Amino acid sequence: MTESAALHTEHRHWVLIACMLAMFMAAIEVTIVATAMPTIIADLGGFAQFGWVFSIYLLTQAVSVPLYGRLADIWGRKRLFLIGISLFLTGSVLCGFAHTMTWLILFRAFQGLGAGAIMPLSTTIVADIYSPRERAGVQGWLSSVWGVAAVIGPLSGAWLVQHFSWSVIFWVNLPVGLLSMLLLARFLPVRTASQGARLNLTGSCWLMICVTALLVALLQAEALGYWLLPFLLLALVAGWRLKQHEQRAAAPLFPLALWRSRLIVAGNAGNLIIGATMMGISAFLPTWIQGITGGSALQAGSALAMMSIGWPLASTLSGRLMLVTSYRFTAQLGALLLIAGSALLLLLRAESSVIQAGVTAFVIGTGMGMTSTTFLVSVQNHAHYEIRGICTASIMFSRMIGSAVGTAVMGAVLNLNLALRLPQASDPMQKIMSPETRQALPAEQLHHWTGQIAASLHWVFVVAMLIALLTLWIAWLMPRQRPEAE
């Protein structure tokens, strides 16, 4: 098995369907759980631990992604993918039986360990069974899964919680995951493990320590206070030790080919930036709609869903565009769309409509879809089969780290601006986000607060646009060539 897995055409579509089902299961998990959280908190209590339900899932997923990618290159995609889905489904079942918030957080960590296999290995398997020329279009199909999940997730979550126990939102993963496993077990051939290859355990330990410390520091910065510094120091030391170890190791966790290839480095840098920019809209556009314009949660969710619609549409288009132009042209066009969408954020005003916010989100989504697909396909086409798993995993890993960094940086910019503009106000953001508290505020005070918070959010959007500008430089590093047939 060299560049592409030796599958018959009639089998490939079943493998693709299996990968799409697995990705759908992982994608819908985020939105469906978020919808059900108020009900879960009402039943289990533990509101103070609310953030950890999401943070621990992201943490264990991010830590495990590069490990799955490397192990898939060593032991084969099929074995690791089935292990990952099994862990995810086991965690899902256990989450449904959680009787306290602490147990739910523990089981979510287990669920995240399985989720770390689904995203990178789905895209790696699809890259294995389709030629370089076909990959560009097929990755668009995988991206469409996220758009569908973004729409179905909140609606199905609300319906299930209303008519059944909240436990069902975790258990609905079972039929989807089992069907995906059955299809892969039947149609995906087993690849012989690489002779003599082994996982670098020391490097893996340093990586887990570094990523865990960094993500805890970024995701829990407000709660940690001064304890943030020891976590950042630990991440820095572990990262330095990882770098030293990788340079000396006979079998490095990240093969040297990853760092010697300008294209692979550019693809990872591009996804790091995309992840950071994405948080400028995912975290703060709903805040603008609900806090500044006084819109509802449904309006905020509807505007944000436009990004999830624009992403798969642009991803599919980029697959076709790469075939007639080049990686560089497609990536540069996507970068320009991303920059334009980020600039549109700065045009939002208190009287701006939800439609304007939705259009802005759609433009940003198209830019993200076009650039991320181009970076991913170019890296997969450039990487040899033996390292394609870790190369694909590194792309996903970079986007996750970028999202965490973007959230922390833009959150810090917002908090700094609020401290400077409203020094006497006690938690003004929370008060204007709550409809009851908002209505109780005097009109003059509400007008003053919304004006200052709007100005603070505009600085967040400025940071998002500056980060987006970097994608244009990354896109220039892409080669002037098209995806070539084998």
Protein backbone atom coordinates (compact mmCIF):
# COMPACT_ATOMS: atom_id res chain seq x y z
CA MET A 1 0.00 0.00 0.00
CA THR A 2 1.82 3.10 -1.14
CA GLU A 3 0.19 6.40 -1.99
CA SER A 4 -3.40 5.25 -1.83
CA ALA A 5 -5.10 2.31 -0.20
CA ALA A 6 -5.90 -0.48 -2.60
CA LEU A 7 -9.68 -0.34 -2.31
CA HIS A 8 -12.18 -1.09 -4.98
CA THR A 9 -14.33 1.86 -6.04
CA GLU A 10 -17.51 0.22 -4.77
CA HIS A 11 -15.95 -0.02 -1.29
CA ARG A 12 -14.55 3.48 -1.02
CA HIS A 13 -17.92 5.17 -0.64
CA TRP A 14 -18.77 2.95 2.35
CA VAL A 15 -15.53 3.95 4.06
CA LEU A 16 -16.27 7.61 3.30
CA ILE A 17 -19.77 7.25 4.79
CA ALA A 18 -18.29 5.61 7.90
CA CYS A 19 -15.83 8.49 8.36
CA MET A 20 -18.59 11.07 7.85
CA LEU A 21 -20.78 9.34 10.44
CA ALA A 22 -17.94 9.34 12.97
CA MET A 23 -17.17 13.02 12.31
CA PHE A 24 -20.85 13.91 12.60
CA MET A 25 -20.99 12.15 15.96
CA ALA A 26 -18.01 14.17 17.24
CA ALA A 27 -19.18 17.45 15.69
CA ILE A 28 -22.72 17.35 17.04
CA GLU A 29 -21.46 16.46 20.51
CA VAL A 30 -20.28 20.03 21.17
CA THR A 31 -23.53 21.82 20.23
CA ILE A 32 -25.93 19.23 21.62
CA VAL A 33 -24.25 19.21 25.05
CA ALA A 34 -24.14 23.02 25.18
CA THR A 35 -27.91 23.12 24.56
CA ALA A 36 -28.60 20.63 27.35
CA MET A 37 -26.27 22.13 29.98
CA PRO A 38 -28.91 24.26 31.78
CA THR A 39 -31.00 21.10 32.32
CA ILE A 40 -27.96 19.10 33.41
CA ILE A 41 -26.94 21.79 35.92
CA ALA A 42 -30.49 21.94 37.29
CA ASP A 43 -30.36 18.17 37.89
CA LEU A 44 -26.76 17.64 39.04
CA GLY A 45 -25.92 21.07 40.48
CA GLY A 46 -22.28 22.17 40.49
CA PHE A 47 -22.63 25.38 38.49
CA ALA A 48 -19.14 26.44 39.59
CA GLN A 49 -17.73 23.45 37.67
CA PHE A 50 -19.74 24.23 34.54
CA GLY A 51 -16.76 25.37 32.45
CA TRP A 52 -14.84 22.16 33.09
CA VAL A 53 -17.48 20.08 31.28
CA PHE A 54 -16.24 21.66 28.05
CA SER A 55 -12.63 22.42 29.01
CA ILE A 56 -11.75 18.86 30.04
CA TYR A 57 -13.18 17.48 26.80
CA LEU A 58 -11.08 19.90 24.73
CA LEU A 59 -8.03 19.23 26.90
CA THR A 60 -7.99 15.43 26.60
CA GLN A 61 -8.90 15.64 22.93
CA ALA A 62 -6.06 18.05 22.14
CA VAL A 63 -3.50 16.02 24.11
CA SER A 64 -4.43 12.76 22.37
CA VAL A 65 -4.68 14.04 18.77
CA PRO A 66 -0.94 13.96 17.91
CA LEU A 67 -0.52 10.62 19.72
CA TYR A 68 -3.28 9.02 17.66
CA GLY A 69 -1.77 10.47 14.50
CA ARG A 70 1.65 8.97 15.21
CA LEU A 71 0.26 5.61 16.35
CA ALA A 72 -1.89 5.41 13.21
CA ASP A 73 1.30 5.66 11.13
CA ILE A 74 2.89 2.89 13.22
CA TRP A 75 0.02 0.46 13.95
CA GLY A 76 -2.36 1.27 11.10
CA ARG A 77 -5.40 3.54 10.77
CA LYS A 78 -8.10 0.90 11.24
CA ARG A 79 -7.00 -0.36 14.64
CA LEU A 80 -6.54 3.11 16.13
CA PHE A 81 -9.78 4.44 14.68
CA LEU A 82 -11.81 1.57 16.14
CA ILE A 83 -10.09 2.05 19.51
CA GLY A 84 -10.86 5.78 19.43
CA ILE A 85 -14.56 5.30 18.61
CA SER A 86 -14.83 2.61 21.29
CA LEU A 87 -13.41 5.00 23.91
CA PHE A 88 -15.72 7.77 22.74
CA LEU A 89 -18.83 5.57 22.94
CA THR A 90 -17.83 4.17 26.34
CA GLY A 91 -17.38 7.72 27.62
CA SER A 92 -20.76 8.70 26.13
CA VAL A 93 -22.56 5.84 27.92
CA LEU A 94 -20.86 6.70 31.22
CA CYS A 95 -21.74 10.42 30.86
CA GLY A 96 -25.40 9.47 30.69
CA PHE A 97 -25.11 7.63 34.03
CA ALA A 98 -23.26 10.45 35.85
CA HIS A 99 -25.00 11.38 39.10
CA THR A 100 -22.78 14.35 40.04
CA MET A 101 -21.03 17.08 38.10
CA THR A 102 -17.65 15.70 39.16
CA TRP A 103 -18.41 12.30 37.65
CA LEU A 104 -19.71 13.96 34.47
CA ILE A 105 -16.45 15.89 34.11
CA LEU A 106 -14.45 12.68 34.63
CA PHE A 107 -16.45 10.82 31.99
CA ARG A 108 -16.18 13.79 29.59
CA ALA A 109 -12.40 13.49 29.90
CA PHE A 110 -12.70 9.84 28.86
CA GLN A 111 -14.97 10.85 25.98
CA GLY A 112 -12.42 13.44 24.84
CA LEU A 113 -9.69 10.80 24.72
CA GLY A 114 -11.75 8.94 22.14
CA ALA A 115 -12.68 12.09 20.24
CA GLY A 116 -8.98 12.77 19.71
CA ALA A 117 -8.89 9.89 17.23
CA ILE A 118 -12.00 10.70 15.23
CA MET A 119 -11.12 13.98 13.54
CA PRO A 120 -7.52 13.34 12.42
CA LEU A 121 -7.99 9.68 11.50
CA SER A 122 -11.20 10.32 9.53
CA THR A 123 -9.42 12.79 7.28
CA THR A 124 -6.31 10.59 7.10
CA ILE A 125 -8.29 7.51 6.03
CA VAL A 126 -10.10 9.50 3.36
CA ALA A 127 -6.76 10.83 2.12
CA ASP A 128 -5.45 7.26 1.93
CA ILE A 129 -8.26 5.93 -0.24
CA TYR A 130 -8.56 8.84 -2.68
CA SER A 131 -5.94 10.13 -5.09
CA PRO A 132 -4.35 13.59 -4.63
CA ARG A 133 -6.63 15.01 -7.31
CA GLU A 134 -9.75 13.53 -5.68
CA ARG A 135 -8.90 14.57 -2.14
CA ALA A 136 -9.62 18.23 -2.75
CA GLY A 137 -13.28 17.52 -3.50
CA VAL A 138 -13.80 14.78 -0.92
CA GLN A 139 -12.53 16.93 1.95
CA GLY A 140 -15.39 19.30 1.11
CA TRP A 141 -17.82 16.47 1.88
CA LEU A 142 -16.18 15.97 5.26
CA SER A 143 -16.40 19.71 6.00
CA SER A 144 -20.12 19.69 5.18
CA VAL A 145 -20.63 17.42 8.18
CA TRP A 146 -19.81 20.36 10.48
CA GLY A 147 -22.37 22.60 8.79
CA VAL A 148 -25.11 19.98 9.21
CA ALA A 149 -24.12 19.31 12.83
CA ALA A 150 -24.20 23.04 13.64
CA VAL A 151 -27.84 23.21 12.55
CA ILE A 152 -29.08 19.84 13.84
CA GLY A 153 -27.18 19.89 17.16
CA PRO A 154 -29.01 22.71 19.00
CA LEU A 155 -32.43 21.71 17.62
CA SER A 156 -32.09 18.01 18.44
CA GLY A 157 -30.57 18.79 21.84
CA ALA A 158 -33.48 21.01 22.80
CA TRP A 159 -36.03 18.44 21.58
CA LEU A 160 -34.41 15.50 23.36
CA VAL A 161 -34.10 17.34 26.66
CA GLN A 162 -37.72 18.44 26.43
CA HIS A 163 -39.12 14.96 25.77
CA PHE A 164 -36.59 12.64 27.44
CA SER A 165 -33.92 12.59 30.12
CA TRP A 166 -30.75 14.62 29.47
CA SER A 167 -28.85 11.33 29.47
CA VAL A 168 -30.25 10.59 26.00
CA ILE A 169 -28.14 13.34 24.42
CA PHE A 170 -25.08 11.21 25.19
CA TRP A 171 -26.65 7.86 24.34
CA VAL A 172 -27.76 8.91 20.83
CA ASN A 173 -24.09 8.56 19.88
CA LEU A 174 -24.31 4.77 20.21
CA PRO A 175 -26.19 3.84 17.01
CA VAL A 176 -24.18 6.31 14.92
CA GLY A 177 -20.84 5.17 16.31
CA LEU A 178 -21.63 1.47 16.07
CA LEU A 179 -22.73 1.81 12.44
CA SER A 180 -19.50 3.65 11.63
CA MET A 181 -17.46 0.91 13.32
CA LEU A 182 -19.30 -1.87 11.46
CA LEU A 183 -18.72 -0.21 8.08
CA LEU A 184 -15.02 0.34 8.78
CA ALA A 185 -14.58 -3.19 10.14
CA ARG A 186 -16.13 -4.58 6.96
CA PHE A 187 -14.68 -2.37 4.21
CA LEU A 188 -11.42 -0.82 5.43
CA PRO A 189 -8.49 -3.22 4.92
CA VAL A 190 -5.93 -3.79 7.66
CA ARG A 191 -2.49 -2.37 6.99
CA THR A 192 0.54 -4.22 8.28
CA ALA A 193 2.24 -2.40 11.15
CA SER A 194 5.49 -0.62 10.33
CA GLN A 195 8.44 -2.88 11.07
CA GLY A 196 10.63 -1.61 13.91
CA ALA A 197 8.58 1.54 14.43
CA ARG A 198 7.55 2.43 17.97
CA LEU A 199 5.95 5.27 19.85
CA ASN A 200 8.34 7.71 21.49
CA LEU A 201 7.09 7.45 25.09
CA THR A 202 9.41 10.10 26.56
CA GLY A 203 8.47 12.61 23.88
CA SER A 204 4.79 11.74 24.36
CA CYS A 205 5.04 12.44 28.11
CA TRP A 206 6.69 15.83 27.58
CA LEU A 207 4.07 16.69 24.96
CA MET A 208 1.19 15.80 27.30
CA ILE A 209 2.69 17.83 30.14
CA CYS A 210 3.30 20.83 27.87
CA VAL A 211 -0.14 20.82 26.24
CA THR A 212 -2.01 20.10 29.47
CA ALA A 213 -0.29 22.95 31.35
CA LEU A 214 -0.76 25.35 28.42
CA LEU A 215 -4.45 24.59 27.89
CA VAL A 216 -5.26 24.71 31.61
CA ALA A 217 -3.55 28.11 31.78
CA LEU A 218 -5.42 29.41 28.73
CA LEU A 219 -8.85 27.92 29.42
CA GLN A 220 -8.90 28.68 33.16
CA ALA A 221 -6.91 31.93 33.18
CA GLU A 222 -9.53 33.89 35.10
CA ALA A 223 -10.04 31.26 37.77
CA LEU A 224 -6.31 30.59 38.25
CA GLY A 225 -5.28 34.15 39.04
CA TYR A 226 -1.60 34.22 40.00
CA TRP A 227 -1.43 30.43 39.63
CA LEU A 228 -1.49 31.09 35.89
CA LEU A 229 2.27 31.82 35.92
CA PRO A 230 3.39 28.40 37.28
CA PHE A 231 1.28 26.65 34.65
CA LEU A 232 2.77 28.77 31.86
CA LEU A 233 6.27 28.16 33.22
CA LEU A 234 5.62 24.40 33.33
CA ALA A 235 4.37 24.50 29.72
CA LEU A 236 7.48 26.43 28.65
CA VAL A 237 9.88 24.03 30.39
CA ALA A 238 8.10 20.94 29.08
CA GLY A 239 8.05 22.39 25.55
CA TRP A 240 11.79 23.09 25.73
CA ARG A 241 12.51 19.57 26.99
CA LEU A 242 10.31 18.14 24.22
CA LYS A 243 12.28 20.07 21.62
CA GLN A 244 15.59 18.83 23.03
CA HIS A 245 14.39 15.25 23.18
CA GLU A 246 12.97 15.31 19.63
CA GLN A 247 16.32 16.50 18.25
CA ARG A 248 18.14 13.51 19.81
CA ALA A 249 15.50 10.78 19.54
CA ALA A 250 15.99 7.94 17.09
CA ALA A 251 12.20 7.81 16.49
CA PRO A 252 10.87 11.33 17.17
CA LEU A 253 7.19 11.83 17.91
CA PHE A 254 7.11 14.46 15.17
CA PRO A 255 9.31 13.20 12.28
CA LEU A 256 11.95 15.64 11.08
CA ALA A 257 10.23 15.73 7.68
CA LEU A 258 7.47 17.83 9.28
CA TRP A 259 9.87 20.62 10.25
CA ARG A 260 11.99 20.47 7.09
CA SER A 261 9.03 20.99 4.76
CA ARG A 262 8.05 24.63 4.30
CA LEU A 263 4.63 23.54 3.07
CA ILE A 264 3.84 21.42 6.13
CA VAL A 265 5.06 24.12 8.51
CA ALA A 266 2.95 26.69 6.62
CA GLY A 267 -0.11 24.43 6.76
CA ASN A 268 0.21 24.09 10.54
CA ALA A 269 0.82 27.81 11.01
CA GLY A 270 -2.20 28.57 8.85
CA ASN A 271 -4.48 26.38 10.94
CA LEU A 272 -3.10 27.88 14.14
CA ILE A 273 -4.15 31.29 12.83
CA ILE A 274 -7.52 30.02 11.61
CA GLY A 275 -8.23 28.55 15.04
CA ALA A 276 -7.36 31.84 16.75
CA THR A 277 -9.39 33.96 14.31
CA MET A 278 -12.38 31.64 14.61
CA MET A 279 -12.73 32.55 18.27
CA GLY A 280 -13.16 36.21 17.34
CA ILE A 281 -16.55 35.28 15.94
CA SER A 282 -17.51 32.10 17.81
CA ALA A 283 -17.01 33.56 21.27
CA PHE A 284 -17.68 37.25 20.78
CA LEU A 285 -20.24 37.71 17.98
CA PRO A 286 -23.03 36.13 20.11
CA THR A 287 -21.88 38.42 22.94
CA TRP A 288 -22.33 41.41 20.63
CA ILE A 289 -25.80 40.36 19.50
CA GLN A 290 -27.11 39.60 22.99
CA GLY A 291 -25.22 42.28 24.92
CA ILE A 292 -25.09 45.26 22.55
CA THR A 293 -28.16 44.87 20.33
CA GLY A 294 -30.25 43.12 23.00
CA GLY A 295 -30.97 40.13 20.77
CA SER A 296 -32.03 36.70 21.95
CA ALA A 297 -29.91 33.56 22.26
CA LEU A 298 -31.77 32.14 19.24
CA GLN A 299 -30.81 35.18 17.13
CA ALA A 300 -27.19 34.89 18.24
CA GLY A 301 -27.15 31.19 17.41
CA SER A 302 -28.76 31.77 14.03
CA ALA A 303 -26.16 34.38 13.07
CA LEU A 304 -23.33 32.12 14.20
CA ALA A 305 -24.79 29.19 12.24
CA MET A 306 -24.11 31.16 9.05
CA MET A 307 -20.40 30.60 9.62
CA SER A 308 -21.01 26.85 9.77
CA ILE A 309 -22.94 27.07 6.50
CA GLY A 310 -20.29 29.16 4.71
CA TRP A 311 -17.45 26.86 5.80
CA PRO A 312 -18.53 23.64 3.98
CA LEU A 313 -19.74 25.54 0.91
CA ALA A 314 -16.37 27.26 0.51
CA SER A 315 -14.56 24.03 1.33
CA THR A 316 -16.32 22.25 -1.54
CA LEU A 317 -15.68 25.17 -3.88
CA SER A 318 -11.99 25.30 -2.94
CA GLY A 319 -11.63 21.66 -3.94
CA ARG A 320 -12.70 22.50 -7.48
CA LEU A 321 -10.81 25.78 -7.56
CA MET A 322 -7.51 24.10 -6.65
CA LEU A 323 -7.84 21.82 -9.65
CA VAL A 324 -8.03 24.71 -12.14
CA THR A 325 -5.77 27.28 -10.41
CA SER A 326 -3.28 26.36 -7.66
CA TYR A 327 -2.89 25.86 -3.94
CA ARG A 328 -1.53 29.38 -3.58
CA PHE A 329 -4.33 31.13 -5.48
CA THR A 330 -7.05 29.27 -3.57
CA ALA A 331 -5.43 29.92 -0.20
CA GLN A 332 -4.93 33.61 -1.01
CA LEU A 333 -8.55 33.99 -2.08
CA GLY A 334 -9.66 32.36 1.16
CA ALA A 335 -7.33 34.62 3.15
CA LEU A 336 -8.83 37.72 1.51
CA LEU A 337 -12.35 36.51 2.35
CA LEU A 338 -11.29 35.88 5.95
CA ILE A 339 -9.77 39.36 6.22
CA ALA A 340 -12.85 40.94 4.61
CA GLY A 341 -15.15 39.14 7.06
CA SER A 342 -13.02 40.20 10.02
CA ALA A 343 -13.15 43.79 8.76
CA LEU A 344 -16.96 43.58 8.55
CA LEU A 345 -16.98 42.87 12.29
CA LEU A 346 -15.68 46.41 12.79
CA LEU A 347 -18.71 47.81 10.95
CA LEU A 348 -21.17 46.38 13.48
CA ARG A 349 -23.06 49.00 15.45
CA ALA A 350 -25.63 48.87 18.25
CA GLU A 351 -28.40 49.29 15.67
CA SER A 352 -26.98 46.64 13.31
CA SER A 353 -29.42 43.89 12.38
CA VAL A 354 -28.99 40.17 12.97
CA ILE A 355 -28.90 39.79 9.18
CA GLN A 356 -25.79 41.98 8.99
CA ALA A 357 -24.15 39.89 11.71
CA GLY A 358 -25.14 36.71 9.85
CA VAL A 359 -23.64 37.96 6.58
CA THR A 360 -20.43 38.82 8.42
CA ALA A 361 -20.31 35.33 9.92
CA PHE A 362 -20.96 33.78 6.51
CA VAL A 363 -18.06 35.66 4.88
CA ILE A 364 -15.72 34.62 7.69
CA GLY A 365 -16.91 31.03 7.35
CA THR A 366 -16.18 31.01 3.61
CA GLY A 367 -12.67 32.32 4.24
CA MET A 368 -12.02 29.69 6.90
CA GLY A 369 -13.42 26.88 4.78
CA MET A 370 -11.35 27.81 1.75
CA THR A 371 -8.05 28.33 3.57
CA SER A 372 -8.30 25.36 5.95
CA THR A 373 -9.18 22.90 3.16
CA THR A 374 -6.35 24.17 0.98
CA PHE A 375 -3.82 23.87 3.83
CA LEU A 376 -5.04 20.37 4.72
CA VAL A 377 -5.14 18.99 1.17
CA SER A 378 -1.74 20.44 0.26
CA VAL A 379 -0.14 18.88 3.36
CA GLN A 380 -1.79 15.49 2.78
CA ASN A 381 -0.72 15.45 -0.87
CA HIS A 382 2.81 16.41 0.09
CA ALA A 383 3.16 13.88 2.95
CA HIS A 384 4.16 10.28 2.27
CA TYR A 385 1.81 7.55 3.48
CA GLU A 386 4.15 6.64 6.35
CA ILE A 387 3.80 10.06 8.00
CA ARG A 388 0.42 11.21 6.68
CA GLY A 389 -1.31 10.33 9.96
CA ILE A 390 0.88 12.56 12.12
CA CYS A 391 0.85 15.31 9.47
CA THR A 392 -2.96 15.35 9.43
CA ALA A 393 -3.11 15.17 13.23
CA SER A 394 -0.69 18.10 13.51
CA ILE A 395 -3.06 20.21 11.38
CA MET A 396 -5.98 19.46 13.73
CA PHE A 397 -3.78 19.95 16.77
CA SER A 398 -2.62 23.36 15.55
CA ARG A 399 -6.21 24.53 15.06
CA MET A 400 -7.16 23.42 18.60
CA ILE A 401 -4.18 25.21 20.15
CA GLY A 402 -4.97 28.27 18.04
CA SER A 403 -8.55 28.29 19.34
CA ALA A 404 -7.38 28.15 22.94
CA VAL A 405 -4.77 30.88 22.39
CA GLY A 406 -7.27 33.05 20.50
CA THR A 407 -9.84 32.71 23.27
CA ALA A 408 -7.30 33.67 25.92
CA VAL A 409 -5.81 36.63 24.01
CA MET A 410 -9.12 38.13 22.92
CA GLY A 411 -10.66 37.51 26.33
CA ALA A 412 -7.73 39.37 27.90
CA VAL A 413 -8.18 42.26 25.44
CA LEU A 414 -11.88 42.48 26.33
CA ASN A 415 -11.29 42.35 30.09
CA LEU A 416 -8.52 44.97 29.90
CA ASN A 417 -10.73 47.33 27.92
CA LEU A 418 -13.65 46.85 30.30
CA ALA A 419 -11.39 47.52 33.29
CA LEU A 420 -10.20 50.77 31.68
CA ARG A 421 -13.57 51.96 30.38
CA LEU A 422 -15.85 50.84 33.22
CA PRO A 423 -13.59 50.69 36.30
CA GLN A 424 -16.43 51.16 38.80
CA ALA A 425 -18.84 48.66 37.21
CA SER A 426 -19.20 45.22 38.74
CA ASP A 427 -19.39 42.55 36.00
CA PRO A 428 -21.14 44.80 33.43
CA MET A 429 -20.99 42.13 30.71
CA GLN A 430 -23.01 39.64 32.75
CA LYS A 431 -25.60 42.27 33.64
CA ILE A 432 -26.35 43.40 30.11
CA MET A 433 -26.38 39.80 28.82
CA SER A 434 -29.20 38.87 31.25
CA PRO A 435 -32.58 40.14 29.93
CA GLU A 436 -33.95 40.60 33.48
CA THR A 437 -30.95 42.58 34.77
CA ARG A 438 -30.72 44.55 31.52
CA GLN A 439 -34.32 45.74 31.83
CA ALA A 440 -33.74 46.79 35.45
CA LEU A 441 -30.85 49.12 34.53
CA PRO A 442 -31.61 52.86 34.19
CA ALA A 443 -31.76 53.92 30.51
CA GLU A 444 -28.81 56.31 30.83
CA GLN A 445 -26.62 53.73 32.54
CA LEU A 446 -27.56 51.05 30.00
CA HIS A 447 -26.69 53.40 27.13
CA HIS A 448 -23.33 54.24 28.69
CA TRP A 449 -22.47 50.63 29.43
CA THR A 450 -23.42 49.31 26.00
CA GLY A 451 -21.36 52.07 24.35
CA GLN A 452 -18.25 51.21 26.38
CA ILE A 453 -18.70 47.45 25.96
CA ALA A 454 -19.21 47.92 22.22
CA ALA A 455 -15.94 49.86 22.03
CA SER A 456 -14.21 47.10 24.00
CA LEU A 457 -15.56 44.42 21.66
CA HIS A 458 -14.39 46.44 18.66
CA TRP A 459 -10.84 46.14 19.99
CA VAL A 460 -11.36 42.38 20.16
CA PHE A 461 -12.44 42.45 16.51
CA VAL A 462 -9.35 44.52 15.64
CA VAL A 463 -7.16 41.80 17.14
CA ALA A 464 -9.11 39.16 15.17
CA MET A 465 -8.50 41.09 11.94
CA LEU A 466 -4.78 41.50 12.67
CA ILE A 467 -4.50 37.75 13.23
CA ALA A 468 -6.47 37.11 10.03
CA LEU A 469 -4.00 39.27 8.08
CA LEU A 470 -1.31 36.69 8.81
CA THR A 471 -3.18 34.12 6.72
CA LEU A 472 -2.36 36.13 3.59
CA TRP A 473 1.36 35.69 4.26
CA ILE A 474 0.89 31.98 5.04
CA ALA A 475 -1.07 31.57 1.80
CA TRP A 476 1.84 33.06 -0.15
CA LEU A 477 4.02 30.17 1.13
CA MET A 478 1.76 27.67 -0.63
CA PRO A 479 3.17 26.26 -3.92
CA ARG A 480 1.95 27.44 -7.31
CA GLN A 481 0.76 24.00 -8.38
CA ARG A 482 -2.43 21.99 -8.60
CA PRO A 483 -3.33 18.72 -6.90
CA GLU A 484 -1.85 16.11 -9.21
CA ALA A 485 -3.24 12.73 -10.07
CA GLU A 486 -1.22 9.69 -9.12
